[in-house]
Amino acid sequence: VHAVLASWEVYAGPRDETVMSTHPDATLDNFPRDMQWGQGLQLIEDMSDEGDSPVPFKVEAGEWLILVTRFSSDGVSVQFQLERS
């Protein structure tokens, strides 16, 4: 696992027909939205592996993982970390 990519979308209207999204494919030709409300990207390393950092987070097919998410008290920053279950 190299990274976690976070995006969001919001629906509006009586039948949710209006959508605002930060998915990578939705912002391809929308530079202002990409700059203002872009995706969140967190590089991932294996924190359980002792030694020199960073250490790649290697997984096996079918292995269960836990995504730990931390938010700053002011709600401005978010941090992701992967752990093995």
Protein backbone atom coordinates (compact mmCIF):
# COMPACT_ATOMS: atom_id res chain seq x y z
CA VAL A 1 0.00 0.00 0.00
CA HIS A 2 1.51 3.31 -1.06
CA ALA A 3 -1.08 5.87 0.03
CA VAL A 4 -4.63 6.68 1.11
CA LEU A 5 -6.62 9.00 -1.14
CA ALA A 6 -9.69 10.66 0.38
CA SER A 7 -12.38 12.49 -1.57
CA TRP A 8 -15.97 13.50 -0.95
CA GLU A 9 -19.20 14.26 -2.73
CA VAL A 10 -22.31 16.22 -1.75
CA TYR A 11 -25.79 15.81 -3.22
CA ALA A 12 -28.48 18.49 -3.40
CA GLY A 13 -31.94 18.95 -4.85
CA PRO A 14 -35.21 17.10 -4.36
CA ARG A 15 -33.85 13.97 -6.05
CA ASP A 16 -30.12 14.48 -5.41
CA GLU A 17 -29.69 15.55 -9.04
CA THR A 18 -26.98 18.14 -8.24
CA VAL A 19 -23.61 16.73 -7.22
CA MET A 20 -20.40 18.44 -6.12
CA SER A 21 -17.45 16.08 -5.89
CA THR A 22 -13.70 16.05 -5.30
CA HIS A 23 -13.15 12.62 -6.88
CA PRO A 24 -10.08 12.73 -9.14
CA ASP A 25 -12.11 12.10 -12.30
CA ALA A 26 -14.62 14.85 -11.37
CA THR A 27 -11.93 17.53 -11.06
CA LEU A 28 -9.90 16.73 -14.19
CA ASP A 29 -10.90 19.92 -16.01
CA ASN A 30 -11.80 22.03 -12.98
CA PHE A 31 -8.56 23.62 -11.74
CA PRO A 32 -10.19 25.99 -9.19
CA ARG A 33 -12.08 23.15 -7.48
CA ASP A 34 -9.02 20.91 -7.54
CA MET A 35 -6.94 23.64 -5.85
CA GLN A 36 -9.56 24.72 -3.30
CA TRP A 37 -11.26 21.42 -2.47
CA GLY A 38 -8.86 18.82 -3.78
CA GLN A 39 -8.32 15.31 -2.54
CA GLY A 40 -6.57 14.38 0.68
CA LEU A 41 -3.46 12.26 0.11
CA GLN A 42 -1.52 10.52 2.90
CA LEU A 43 1.56 8.44 2.11
CA ILE A 44 1.54 5.21 4.12
CA GLU A 45 4.40 3.42 5.83
CA ASP A 46 4.49 0.35 8.07
CA MET A 47 4.77 1.82 11.57
CA SER A 48 4.88 -1.63 13.19
CA ASP A 49 8.13 -2.56 11.43
CA GLU A 50 11.09 -1.51 13.56
CA GLY A 51 14.14 -0.10 11.87
CA ASP A 52 14.95 2.72 9.55
CA SER A 53 11.89 4.59 8.32
CA PRO A 54 10.06 4.77 6.05
CA VAL A 55 9.21 1.08 5.62
CA PRO A 56 6.79 0.03 2.85
CA PHE A 57 3.42 -1.31 4.04
CA LYS A 58 3.27 -4.74 2.38
CA VAL A 59 0.04 -6.75 2.43
CA GLU A 60 -1.13 -10.17 1.32
CA ALA A 61 -4.29 -10.78 -0.71
CA GLY A 62 -7.26 -11.11 1.65
CA GLU A 63 -5.48 -9.52 4.62
CA TRP A 64 -7.73 -7.34 6.80
CA LEU A 65 -6.54 -3.82 7.62
CA ILE A 66 -7.71 -1.08 9.97
CA LEU A 67 -7.76 2.50 8.71
CA VAL A 68 -7.08 4.87 11.62
CA THR A 69 -8.23 8.45 10.99
CA ARG A 70 -7.22 11.40 13.16
CA PHE A 71 -8.63 14.92 12.91
CA SER A 72 -7.04 18.05 14.34
CA SER A 73 -9.05 19.80 17.06
CA ASP A 74 -9.81 22.68 14.69
CA GLY A 75 -11.02 20.30 11.96
CA VAL A 76 -8.53 21.60 9.41
CA SER A 77 -6.15 18.62 9.19
CA VAL A 78 -6.70 14.91 8.83
CA GLN A 79 -4.16 12.07 9.14
CA PHE A 80 -4.46 8.43 8.07
CA GLN A 81 -2.57 5.38 9.30
CA LEU A 82 -2.97 1.71 8.38
CA GLU A 83 -2.75 -1.06 10.96
CA ARG A 84 -3.09 -4.80 10.69
CA SER A 85 -6.17 -6.27 12.32
